[in-house]
C-alpha atoms as a PDB file:
ATOM      1  CA  MET A   1      30.959  -7.394  -5.584  1.00  0.00           C
ATOM      2  CA  ASN A   2      32.552 -10.631  -6.779  1.00  0.00           C
ATOM      3  CA  CYS A   3      34.265  -9.890 -10.094  1.00  0.00           C
ATOM      4  CA  LEU A   4      35.625 -11.959 -12.969  1.00  0.00           C
ATOM      5  CA  ILE A   5      38.049 -10.814 -15.688  1.00  0.00           C
ATOM      6  CA  VAL A   6      37.658 -12.458 -19.090  1.00  0.00           C
ATOM      7  CA  ASP A   7      40.251 -11.524 -21.716  1.00  0.00           C
ATOM      8  CA  ASP A   8      42.561 -13.526 -23.976  1.00  0.00           C
ATOM      9  CA  GLN A   9      45.424 -11.020 -23.489  1.00  0.00           C
ATOM     10  CA  GLU A  10      47.400 -11.741 -20.338  1.00  0.00           C
ATOM     11  CA  ILE A  11      48.938  -8.268 -20.287  1.00  0.00           C
ATOM     12  CA  PHE A  12      45.499  -6.640 -20.197  1.00  0.00           C
ATOM     13  CA  ARG A  13      44.332  -8.954 -17.428  1.00  0.00           C
ATOM     14  CA  THR A  14      47.365  -7.899 -15.397  1.00  0.00           C
ATOM     15  CA  VAL A  15      46.722  -4.193 -16.004  1.00  0.00           C
ATOM     16  CA  LEU A  16      43.035  -4.547 -15.144  1.00  0.00           C
ATOM     17  CA  LYS A  17      43.800  -6.396 -11.908  1.00  0.00           C
ATOM     18  CA  ARG A  18      46.005  -3.522 -10.810  1.00  0.00           C
ATOM     19  CA  LEU A  19      43.287  -1.016 -11.635  1.00  0.00           C
ATOM     20  CA  LEU A  20      40.697  -3.010  -9.688  1.00  0.00           C
ATOM     21  CA  ASP A  21      42.916  -2.752  -6.599  1.00  0.00           C
ATOM     22  CA  LEU A  22      41.885   0.908  -6.502  1.00  0.00           C
ATOM     23  CA  ASP A  23      38.427  -0.136  -5.293  1.00  0.00           C
ATOM     24  CA  THR A  24      38.542  -2.142  -2.075  1.00  0.00           C
ATOM     25  CA  THR A  25      34.854  -3.089  -2.311  1.00  0.00           C
ATOM     26  CA  LEU A  26      35.592  -5.440  -5.224  1.00  0.00           C
ATOM     27  CA  THR A  27      36.660  -9.052  -4.804  1.00  0.00           C
ATOM     28  CA  LEU A  28      38.395 -10.594  -7.818  1.00  0.00           C
ATOM     29  CA  VAL A  29      37.375 -14.264  -7.784  1.00  0.00           C
ATOM     30  CA  GLY A  30      39.116 -15.283 -10.987  1.00  0.00           C
ATOM     31  CA  GLU A  31      40.429 -14.516 -14.455  1.00  0.00           C
ATOM     32  CA  CYS A  32      39.823 -16.403 -17.689  1.00  0.00           C
ATOM     33  CA  ALA A  33      41.571 -16.389 -21.067  1.00  0.00           C
ATOM     34  CA  ASP A  34      38.499 -17.428 -23.044  1.00  0.00           C
ATOM     35  CA  ALA A  35      34.713 -17.440 -22.911  1.00  0.00           C
ATOM     36  CA  PHE A  36      34.420 -21.215 -22.458  1.00  0.00           C
ATOM     37  CA  GLU A  37      36.401 -21.155 -19.213  1.00  0.00           C
ATOM     38  CA  ALA A  38      34.455 -18.079 -18.113  1.00  0.00           C
ATOM     39  CA  HIS A  39      31.145 -19.861 -18.647  1.00  0.00           C
ATOM     40  CA  GLN A  40      32.247 -22.679 -16.333  1.00  0.00           C
ATOM     41  CA  GLN A  41      33.308 -20.207 -13.663  1.00  0.00           C
ATOM     42  CA  ILE A  42      30.043 -18.276 -13.877  1.00  0.00           C
ATOM     43  CA  MET A  43      28.002 -21.456 -13.566  1.00  0.00           C
ATOM     44  CA  SER A  44      29.959 -22.724 -10.556  1.00  0.00           C
ATOM     45  CA  GLN A  45      30.153 -19.681  -8.289  1.00  0.00           C
ATOM     46  CA  GLN A  46      28.484 -16.400  -7.364  1.00  0.00           C
ATOM     47  CA  ILE A  47      29.751 -13.660  -9.672  1.00  0.00           C
ATOM     48  CA  ASP A  48      28.221 -10.187  -9.628  1.00  0.00           C
ATOM     49  CA  LEU A  49      30.273  -8.365 -12.253  1.00  0.00           C
ATOM     50  CA  ILE A  50      32.213  -9.487 -15.346  1.00  0.00           C
ATOM     51  CA  PHE A  51      34.840  -7.457 -17.175  1.00  0.00           C
ATOM     52  CA  LEU A  52      34.373  -9.098 -20.546  1.00  0.00           C
ATOM     53  CA  ASP A  53      36.469  -8.737 -23.689  1.00  0.00           C
ATOM     54  CA  ILE A  54      34.517  -8.925 -26.937  1.00  0.00           C
ATOM     55  CA  LYS A  55      36.979 -10.301 -29.503  1.00  0.00           C
ATOM     56  CA  MET A  56      38.312 -13.634 -28.269  1.00  0.00           C
ATOM     57  CA  PRO A  57      39.155 -16.866 -30.121  1.00  0.00           C
ATOM     58  CA  GLY A  58      36.473 -19.546 -30.174  1.00  0.00           C
ATOM     59  CA  MET A  59      33.628 -17.569 -28.632  1.00  0.00           C
ATOM     60  CA  SER A  60      33.204 -13.815 -28.438  1.00  0.00           C
ATOM     61  CA  GLY A  61      32.153 -11.923 -25.339  1.00  0.00           C
ATOM     62  CA  ILE A  62      28.871 -11.008 -27.005  1.00  0.00           C
ATOM     63  CA  GLU A  63      28.158 -14.676 -27.734  1.00  0.00           C
ATOM     64  CA  LEU A  64      28.879 -15.541 -24.097  1.00  0.00           C
ATOM     65  CA  ALA A  65      26.498 -12.815 -22.890  1.00  0.00           C
ATOM     66  CA  LYS A  66      23.757 -14.185 -25.149  1.00  0.00           C
ATOM     67  CA  ILE A  67      24.307 -17.745 -23.879  1.00  0.00           C
ATOM     68  CA  LEU A  68      24.044 -16.565 -20.265  1.00  0.00           C
ATOM     69  CA  GLY A  69      20.650 -15.046 -21.097  1.00  0.00           C
ATOM     70  CA  ASP A  70      18.560 -12.615 -19.083  1.00  0.00           C
ATOM     71  CA  GLN A  71      19.948 -13.632 -15.708  1.00  0.00           C
ATOM     72  CA  HIS A  72      23.599 -13.003 -16.523  1.00  0.00           C
ATOM     73  CA  PRO A  73      25.790 -11.149 -14.001  1.00  0.00           C
ATOM     74  CA  LEU A  74      26.392  -7.463 -14.609  1.00  0.00           C
ATOM     75  CA  ILE A  75      28.724  -7.006 -17.581  1.00  0.00           C
ATOM     76  CA  ILE A  76      31.231  -4.291 -18.447  1.00  0.00           C
ATOM     77  CA  PHE A  77      32.538  -4.899 -21.949  1.00  0.00           C
ATOM     78  CA  THR A  78      36.228  -4.150 -22.506  1.00  0.00           C
ATOM     79  CA  THR A  79      37.421  -4.042 -26.105  1.00  0.00           C
ATOM     80  CA  SER A  80      39.757  -2.373 -28.571  1.00  0.00           C
ATOM     81  CA  VAL A  81      37.099  -2.372 -31.312  1.00  0.00           C
ATOM     82  CA  ASN A  82      34.486   0.386 -31.257  1.00  0.00           C
ATOM     83  CA  GLY A  83      32.094  -1.142 -33.802  1.00  0.00           C
ATOM     84  CA  TYR A  84      30.384  -3.447 -31.301  1.00  0.00           C
ATOM     85  CA  ALA A  85      28.936  -0.766 -29.030  1.00  0.00           C
ATOM     86  CA  ALA A  86      25.371  -0.815 -30.372  1.00  0.00           C
ATOM     87  CA  GLU A  87      25.101  -4.622 -30.255  1.00  0.00           C
ATOM     88  CA  ALA A  88      26.658  -4.692 -26.788  1.00  0.00           C
ATOM     89  CA  PHE A  89      24.180  -2.266 -25.255  1.00  0.00           C
ATOM     90  CA  GLU A  90      21.257  -4.275 -26.632  1.00  0.00           C
ATOM     91  CA  LEU A  91      22.326  -6.914 -24.094  1.00  0.00           C
ATOM     92  CA  ASN A  92      21.637  -4.507 -21.188  1.00  0.00           C
ATOM     93  CA  VAL A  93      25.284  -4.282 -20.155  1.00  0.00           C
ATOM     94  CA  VAL A  94      26.515  -1.767 -17.589  1.00  0.00           C
ATOM     95  CA  ASP A  95      29.104  -0.074 -19.792  1.00  0.00           C
ATOM     96  CA  PHE A  96      31.313  -0.374 -22.877  1.00  0.00           C
ATOM     97  CA  LEU A  97      34.979   0.540 -22.338  1.00  0.00           C
ATOM     98  CA  LEU A  98      37.513   1.054 -25.121  1.00  0.00           C
ATOM     99  CA  LYS A  99      41.105  -0.026 -24.513  1.00  0.00           C
ATOM    100  CA  PRO A 100      43.355   1.439 -23.268  1.00  0.00           C
ATOM    101  CA  ILE A 101      41.134   2.074 -20.262  1.00  0.00           C
ATOM    102  CA  SER A 102      41.952   4.879 -17.847  1.00  0.00           C
ATOM    103  CA  ALA A 103      41.536   4.436 -14.110  1.00  0.00           C
ATOM    104  CA  ALA A 104      38.946   7.230 -13.983  1.00  0.00           C
ATOM    105  CA  ARG A 105      36.841   5.690 -16.762  1.00  0.00           C
ATOM    106  CA  LEU A 106      36.968   2.247 -15.155  1.00  0.00           C
ATOM    107  CA  LEU A 107      35.956   3.545 -11.730  1.00  0.00           C
ATOM    108  CA  LYS A 108      33.042   5.419 -13.291  1.00  0.00           C
ATOM    109  CA  ALA A 109      31.793   2.192 -14.871  1.00  0.00           C
ATOM    110  CA  ILE A 110      32.173   0.367 -11.557  1.00  0.00           C
ATOM    111  CA  GLU A 111      30.101   3.036  -9.807  1.00  0.00           C
ATOM    112  CA  LYS A 112      27.338   2.466 -12.369  1.00  0.00           C
ATOM    113  CA  ALA A 113      27.433  -1.248 -11.539  1.00  0.00           C
ATOM    114  CA  LYS A 114      27.180  -0.472  -7.830  1.00  0.00           C
ATOM    115  CA  GLU A 115      24.106   1.683  -8.394  1.00  0.00           C
ATOM    116  CA  ILE A 116      22.439  -1.146 -10.283  1.00  0.00           C
ATOM    117  CA  ILE A 117      23.258  -3.587  -7.477  1.00  0.00           C
ATOM    118  CA  LYS A 118      21.767  -1.170  -4.949  1.00  0.00           C
ATOM    119  CA  SER A 119      18.581  -0.796  -6.964  1.00  0.00           C
ATOM    120  CA  LYS A 120      17.988  -4.507  -7.487  1.00  0.00           C
ATOM    121  CA  GLY A 121      14.671  -5.793  -6.257  1.00  0.00           C
ATOM    122  CA  LEU A 122      12.486  -4.384  -3.570  1.00  0.00           C
ATOM    123  CA  THR A 123      12.748  -4.222   0.212  1.00  0.00           C
ATOM    124  CA  LEU A 124       9.782  -5.186   2.347  1.00  0.00           C
ATOM    125  CA  ASN A 125       8.684  -3.869   5.713  1.00  0.00           C
ATOM    126  CA  ASP A 126       9.612  -6.995   7.692  1.00  0.00           C
ATOM    127  CA  GLN A 127       7.167  -6.374  10.529  1.00  0.00           C
ATOM    128  CA  ILE A 128       3.812  -6.352   8.786  1.00  0.00           C
ATOM    129  CA  ASN A 129       4.563  -6.632   5.038  1.00  0.00           C
ATOM    130  CA  GLU A 130       2.316  -3.641   4.444  1.00  0.00           C
ATOM    131  CA  PHE A 131       4.781  -1.642   2.361  1.00  0.00           C
ATOM    132  CA  ALA A 132       7.585  -2.295  -0.132  1.00  0.00           C
ATOM    133  CA  PHE A 133      10.402   0.081  -1.016  1.00  0.00           C
ATOM    134  CA  ILE A 134      11.886   0.335  -4.505  1.00  0.00           C
ATOM    135  CA  ARG A 135      14.519   2.558  -6.067  1.00  0.00           C
ATOM    136  CA  ASP A 136      12.971   4.503  -8.958  1.00  0.00           C
ATOM    137  CA  SER A 137      15.909   6.265 -10.686  1.00  0.00           C
ATOM    138  CA  ASN A 138      17.429   8.249  -7.793  1.00  0.00           C
ATOM    139  CA  VAL A 139      14.276   8.197  -5.664  1.00  0.00           C
ATOM    140  CA  VAL A 140      13.297   5.547  -3.108  1.00  0.00           C
ATOM    141  CA  ARG A 141       9.544   5.001  -3.282  1.00  0.00           C
ATOM    142  CA  ARG A 142       7.202   3.346  -0.803  1.00  0.00           C
ATOM    143  CA  LEU A 143       4.547   1.130  -2.380  1.00  0.00           C
ATOM    144  CA  LYS A 144       1.522  -0.355  -0.684  1.00  0.00           C
ATOM    145  CA  ILE A 145       1.696  -4.127  -1.028  1.00  0.00           C
ATOM    146  CA  LYS A 146      -2.081  -4.394  -1.406  1.00  0.00           C
ATOM    147  CA  ASP A 147      -1.984  -2.077  -4.446  1.00  0.00           C
ATOM    148  CA  ILE A 148       0.466  -4.239  -6.401  1.00  0.00           C
ATOM    149  CA  GLN A 149      -1.427  -6.182  -9.064  1.00  0.00           C
ATOM    150  CA  TYR A 150       1.373  -8.290 -10.536  1.00  0.00           C
ATOM    151  CA  PHE A 151       5.071  -8.488 -11.402  1.00  0.00           C
ATOM    152  CA  GLU A 152       6.200  -9.188 -14.962  1.00  0.00           C
ATOM    153  CA  ALA A 153       9.733 -10.164 -16.001  1.00  0.00           C
ATOM    154  CA  THR A 154      11.025  -8.202 -19.003  1.00  0.00           C
ATOM    155  CA  GLY A 155      14.666  -9.024 -19.734  1.00  0.00           C
ATOM    156  CA  ASP A 156      16.900  -7.821 -16.908  1.00  0.00           C
ATOM    157  CA  TYR A 157      14.042  -5.819 -15.423  1.00  0.00           C
ATOM    158  CA  VAL A 158      10.784  -6.514 -13.614  1.00  0.00           C
ATOM    159  CA  LYS A 159       7.698  -4.426 -14.246  1.00  0.00           C
ATOM    160  CA  ILE A 160       5.553  -3.719 -11.194  1.00  0.00           C
ATOM    161  CA  SER A 161       1.924  -3.143 -12.116  1.00  0.00           C
ATOM    162  CA  MET A 162       0.063  -1.036  -9.583  1.00  0.00           C
ATOM    163  CA  VAL A 163      -3.592  -0.070  -9.553  1.00  0.00           C
ATOM    164  CA  ASP A 164      -2.787   3.397 -10.887  1.00  0.00           C
ATOM    165  CA  ARG A 165       0.661   3.173 -12.566  1.00  0.00           C
ATOM    166  CA  GLU A 166       3.703   1.009 -13.362  1.00  0.00           C
ATOM    167  CA  TYR A 167       7.330   0.919 -12.215  1.00  0.00           C
ATOM    168  CA  SER A 168      10.353  -0.913 -13.580  1.00  0.00           C
ATOM    169  CA  ILE A 169      13.238  -2.140 -11.433  1.00  0.00           C
ATOM    170  CA  HIS A 170      16.484  -3.926 -12.292  1.00  0.00           C
ATOM    171  CA  SER A 171      16.013  -7.352 -10.755  1.00  0.00           C
ATOM    172  CA  SER A 172      14.991 -10.930 -11.434  1.00  0.00           C
ATOM    173  CA  LEU A 173      11.564 -12.393 -10.761  1.00  0.00           C
ATOM    174  CA  LYS A 174      13.169 -15.099  -8.625  1.00  0.00           C
ATOM    175  CA  ASN A 175      14.790 -12.492  -6.391  1.00  0.00           C
ATOM    176  CA  ILE A 176      11.476 -10.711  -5.888  1.00  0.00           C
ATOM    177  CA  GLU A 177       9.532 -13.932  -5.316  1.00  0.00           C
ATOM    178  CA  GLN A 178      11.740 -14.780  -2.330  1.00  0.00           C
ATOM    179  CA  LYS A 179      10.822 -11.491  -0.627  1.00  0.00           C
ATOM    180  CA  LEU A 180       7.063 -11.448  -1.147  1.00  0.00           C
ATOM    181  CA  PRO A 181       4.458 -12.575   1.414  1.00  0.00           C
ATOM    182  CA  GLN A 182       3.469 -16.074   0.303  1.00  0.00           C
ATOM    183  CA  ASP A 183      -0.123 -15.725   1.459  1.00  0.00           C
ATOM    184  CA  THR A 184      -0.735 -12.877  -1.004  1.00  0.00           C
ATOM    185  CA  PHE A 185       1.436 -13.465  -4.063  1.00  0.00           C
ATOM    186  CA  LEU A 186       1.835 -16.475  -6.320  1.00  0.00           C
ATOM    187  CA  ARG A 187       4.035 -17.387  -9.266  1.00  0.00           C
ATOM    188  CA  VAL A 188       1.755 -18.435 -12.150  1.00  0.00           C
ATOM    189  CA  HIS A 189       4.214 -18.324 -15.056  1.00  0.00           C
ATOM    190  CA  ARG A 190       7.962 -18.005 -15.565  1.00  0.00           C
ATOM    191  CA  SER A 191       7.298 -14.336 -16.371  1.00  0.00           C
ATOM    192  CA  PHE A 192       4.522 -13.477 -13.897  1.00  0.00           C
ATOM    193  CA  ILE A 193       3.885 -13.257 -10.156  1.00  0.00           C
ATOM    194  CA  ILE A 194       0.367 -12.125  -9.274  1.00  0.00           C
ATOM    195  CA  ASN A 195      -1.490 -10.729  -6.310  1.00  0.00           C
ATOM    196  CA  VAL A 196      -4.154 -13.416  -5.880  1.00  0.00           C
ATOM    197  CA  SER A 197      -6.619 -10.928  -4.399  1.00  0.00           C
ATOM    198  CA  LYS A 198      -6.561  -8.926  -7.649  1.00  0.00           C
ATOM    199  CA  ILE A 199      -7.801 -11.761  -9.916  1.00  0.00           C
ATOM    200  CA  ASP A 200     -10.984 -10.881 -11.770  1.00  0.00           C
ATOM    201  CA  THR A 201     -11.468 -14.040 -13.850  1.00  0.00           C
ATOM    202  CA  VAL A 202      -9.682 -17.248 -14.785  1.00  0.00           C
ATOM    203  CA  GLU A 203     -10.446 -19.089 -17.987  1.00  0.00           C
ATOM    204  CA  GLY A 204      -8.265 -21.909 -19.267  1.00  0.00           C
ATOM    205  CA  LYS A 205      -4.635 -20.813 -19.269  1.00  0.00           C
ATOM    206  CA  THR A 206      -5.389 -17.111 -18.899  1.00  0.00           C
ATOM    207  CA  LEU A 207      -6.357 -14.982 -15.943  1.00  0.00           C
ATOM    208  CA  VAL A 208      -7.459 -11.346 -15.958  1.00  0.00           C
ATOM    209  CA  ILE A 209      -6.381  -8.642 -13.526  1.00  0.00           C
ATOM    210  CA  ASN A 210      -7.837  -5.194 -14.160  1.00  0.00           C
ATOM    211  CA  LYS A 211      -8.189  -5.945 -17.915  1.00  0.00           C
ATOM    212  CA  HIS A 212      -4.608  -7.269 -18.125  1.00  0.00           C
ATOM    213  CA  LEU A 213      -4.324 -10.776 -19.600  1.00  0.00           C
ATOM    214  CA  ILE A 214      -1.818 -13.001 -17.789  1.00  0.00           C
ATOM    215  CA  SER A 215      -0.751 -16.480 -18.877  1.00  0.00           C
ATOM    216  CA  VAL A 216      -0.928 -19.376 -16.422  1.00  0.00           C
ATOM    217  CA  SER A 217       1.518 -22.255 -16.928  1.00  0.00           C
ATOM    218  CA  ASP A 218       0.427 -25.840 -16.333  1.00  0.00           C
ATOM    219  CA  ALA A 219       3.238 -26.185 -13.773  1.00  0.00           C
ATOM    220  CA  TYR A 220       1.636 -23.525 -11.555  1.00  0.00           C
ATOM    221  CA  ARG A 221      -2.060 -24.285 -12.140  1.00  0.00           C
ATOM    222  CA  ALA A 222      -2.445 -26.572  -9.127  1.00  0.00           C
ATOM    223  CA  ASP A 223      -0.925 -23.950  -6.815  1.00  0.00           C
ATOM    224  CA  LEU A 224      -3.303 -21.339  -8.220  1.00  0.00           C
ATOM    225  CA  ASN A 225      -6.323 -23.552  -7.576  1.00  0.00           C
ATOM    226  CA  LYS A 226      -5.229 -24.028  -3.959  1.00  0.00           C
ATOM    227  CA  LYS A 227      -4.855 -20.273  -3.439  1.00  0.00           C
ATOM    228  CA  MET A 228      -8.286 -19.401  -4.790  1.00  0.00           C
ATOM    229  CA  GLN A 229     -11.076 -19.925  -2.304  1.00  0.00           C
ATOM    230  CA  PHE A 230     -14.070 -21.393  -4.126  1.00  0.00           C
ATOM    231  CA  LEU A 231     -17.559 -21.007  -2.675  1.00  0.00           C
END
């Protein structure tokens, strides 16, 4: 994982860098003394994990996380103030570490980040696109592609609606869209990808799949019309 350290205290950045050397799977791509510099780094390169201080001059770590939005890299908050824990976890961060941070506690948080990375998205059967594999908690499940009704983005997660049940995986809709067979699935909204064969009705800016109402954006309407085969 490409990592970034963001903390206004140079001594803590130095200590954290030494601790990160304990895990050879991590690549430290930079360190920043404030959130403004961190934002520029995050926008300009691929970063998977941020070790982010909360109390910093100018902009706090929590404010930076909110600016980055739903598609922010994985975040481990590092702070000397305990009162921010509840607000921090509302941002779907990996962990919240209180300074001083022990090596064991840091490595435990990193392992949590690795598990999330492993579980991101779904893996398709590349030969016939008949099945998809997802990680559901600690279980890898095989899903039939034809039984998937739609995907819905919900924060840092994507809900997979099947004919008989639902699953939730830690991923982005964009990541999933790149893996799906284009002849079957179509993006119809910034929050929805649908299985075209599951459409029951379309009226105006709304389509119905198995009694579920799904919004259709104007930007995707032309693509939807092309996919549907009118008699």
